[in-house]
């Protein structure tokens, strides 16, 4: 395994440094990781967090989308529904109606989206 690598002077909180390890694409692509996690959702971040408890390994996380720190739609939980069907925030993928959800009508879905 690789030695603990601090990217651009950043390490994880386990190493007593609470700085975020957000780096440029160039820095990220030049770094060798022991583990690369694809997806920074809940599960991906939990896995990355657990792996990074070991100071002797390096972990990289890749998440799709733009860097949106400070965006009120992202930072405000109540604003979550405002991102639906907005291609700046939503992939806008749709699925066919499912047999096991007969009680979910388009009206209910619209009500959920409008908050």
Protein backbone atom coordinates (compact mmCIF):
# COMPACT_ATOMS: atom_id res chain seq x y z
CA UNK A 1 0.00 0.00 0.00
CA UNK A 2 1.03 3.56 -0.59
CA UNK A 3 2.15 5.88 2.15
CA UNK A 4 -0.34 8.45 3.35
CA UNK A 5 -0.38 11.18 0.76
CA UNK A 6 -1.59 14.67 1.45
CA UNK A 7 -2.92 16.20 -1.73
CA UNK A 8 -2.05 19.87 -2.02
CA UNK A 9 -1.37 19.94 1.73
CA UNK A 10 -4.78 18.45 2.56
CA UNK A 11 -5.44 15.26 4.48
CA UNK A 12 -8.50 13.75 6.06
CA UNK A 13 -9.95 14.53 9.48
CA UNK A 14 -8.69 11.25 10.96
CA UNK A 15 -5.17 12.58 10.47
CA UNK A 16 -6.10 15.55 12.68
CA UNK A 17 -6.57 17.92 9.79
CA UNK A 18 -10.16 18.94 9.11
CA UNK A 19 -9.40 20.53 5.73
CA UNK A 20 -11.31 19.12 2.81
CA UNK A 21 -9.26 17.32 0.19
CA UNK A 22 -10.93 19.09 -2.74
CA UNK A 23 -8.39 19.41 -5.52
CA UNK A 24 -8.24 20.32 -9.20
CA UNK A 25 -8.79 17.71 -11.89
CA UNK A 26 -5.08 17.88 -12.76
CA UNK A 27 -4.00 17.21 -9.17
CA UNK A 28 -6.51 14.39 -8.83
CA UNK A 29 -5.43 12.69 -12.06
CA UNK A 30 -1.74 12.83 -11.04
CA UNK A 31 -2.42 11.14 -7.70
CA UNK A 32 -2.16 7.40 -7.20
CA UNK A 33 -4.92 6.07 -4.93
CA UNK A 34 -5.19 2.74 -3.14
CA UNK A 35 -8.97 2.99 -3.48
CA UNK A 36 -11.08 5.01 -5.89
CA UNK A 37 -14.75 5.40 -4.96
CA UNK A 38 -17.13 6.21 -7.82
CA UNK A 39 -20.03 8.20 -6.40
CA UNK A 40 -20.00 10.63 -3.50
CA UNK A 41 -23.49 9.86 -2.24
CA UNK A 42 -24.21 8.51 1.21
CA UNK A 43 -22.82 5.02 0.59
CA UNK A 44 -19.75 6.24 -1.31
CA UNK A 45 -18.85 8.73 1.40
CA UNK A 46 -19.35 6.17 4.17
CA UNK A 47 -17.07 3.71 2.40
CA UNK A 48 -14.46 6.42 1.74
CA UNK A 49 -14.67 7.57 5.35
CA UNK A 50 -14.14 4.09 6.72
CA UNK A 51 -11.25 3.37 4.36
CA UNK A 52 -9.59 6.69 5.19
CA UNK A 53 -9.50 5.77 8.89
CA UNK A 54 -6.35 3.88 7.99
CA UNK A 55 -3.63 6.55 7.66
CA UNK A 56 -1.56 4.22 5.46
CA UNK A 57 -3.90 4.29 2.47
CA UNK A 58 -5.13 6.94 0.06
CA UNK A 59 -8.73 7.23 -1.05
CA UNK A 60 -10.16 9.23 -3.94
CA UNK A 61 -13.85 9.97 -4.47
CA UNK A 62 -15.29 10.97 -7.84
CA UNK A 63 -18.75 12.51 -8.04
CA UNK A 64 -20.58 13.64 -11.15
CA UNK A 65 -21.72 17.20 -11.47
CA UNK A 66 -20.47 20.67 -10.74
CA UNK A 67 -18.80 21.95 -7.61
CA UNK A 68 -21.71 23.64 -5.85
CA UNK A 69 -20.44 24.61 -2.41
CA UNK A 70 -22.34 27.71 -1.27
CA UNK A 71 -25.29 27.14 -3.63
CA UNK A 72 -28.47 27.81 -1.60
CA UNK A 73 -30.44 25.16 -3.51
CA UNK A 74 -27.89 22.55 -2.45
CA UNK A 75 -27.19 23.87 1.06
CA UNK A 76 -30.85 24.35 2.08
CA UNK A 77 -32.68 21.07 2.68
CA UNK A 78 -36.10 22.68 2.08
CA UNK A 79 -34.95 23.82 -1.39
CA UNK A 80 -34.35 20.23 -2.53
CA UNK A 81 -37.55 20.08 -4.59
CA UNK A 82 -36.55 23.20 -6.54
CA UNK A 83 -33.82 21.18 -8.25
CA UNK A 84 -36.22 18.60 -9.78
CA UNK A 85 -36.38 18.73 -13.58
CA UNK A 86 -33.76 21.48 -13.66
CA UNK A 87 -30.95 20.17 -15.92
CA UNK A 88 -28.41 22.23 -13.97
CA UNK A 89 -29.05 19.94 -10.97
CA UNK A 90 -31.06 16.94 -12.21
CA UNK A 91 -30.14 14.27 -14.76
CA UNK A 92 -33.82 14.39 -15.81
CA UNK A 93 -33.99 10.62 -16.27
CA UNK A 94 -37.46 9.11 -16.07
CA UNK A 95 -38.70 5.59 -15.61
CA UNK A 96 -41.76 3.78 -16.89
CA UNK A 97 -44.65 3.40 -14.44
CA UNK A 98 -44.06 0.42 -12.17
CA UNK A 99 -46.65 -2.27 -11.47
CA UNK A 100 -45.93 -2.20 -7.74
CA UNK A 101 -46.81 1.51 -7.37
CA UNK A 102 -50.41 1.76 -8.59
CA UNK A 103 -51.35 4.37 -5.97
CA UNK A 104 -48.69 6.87 -7.10
CA UNK A 105 -50.42 9.02 -9.69
CA UNK A 106 -48.89 11.83 -11.74
CA UNK A 107 -50.82 14.29 -9.54
CA UNK A 108 -49.14 12.94 -6.39
CA UNK A 109 -45.70 13.12 -8.02
CA UNK A 110 -46.36 16.74 -9.07
CA UNK A 111 -47.51 17.60 -5.54
CA UNK A 112 -44.29 16.16 -4.11
CA UNK A 113 -42.19 18.10 -6.59
CA UNK A 114 -43.90 21.42 -5.92
CA UNK A 115 -43.37 21.07 -2.17
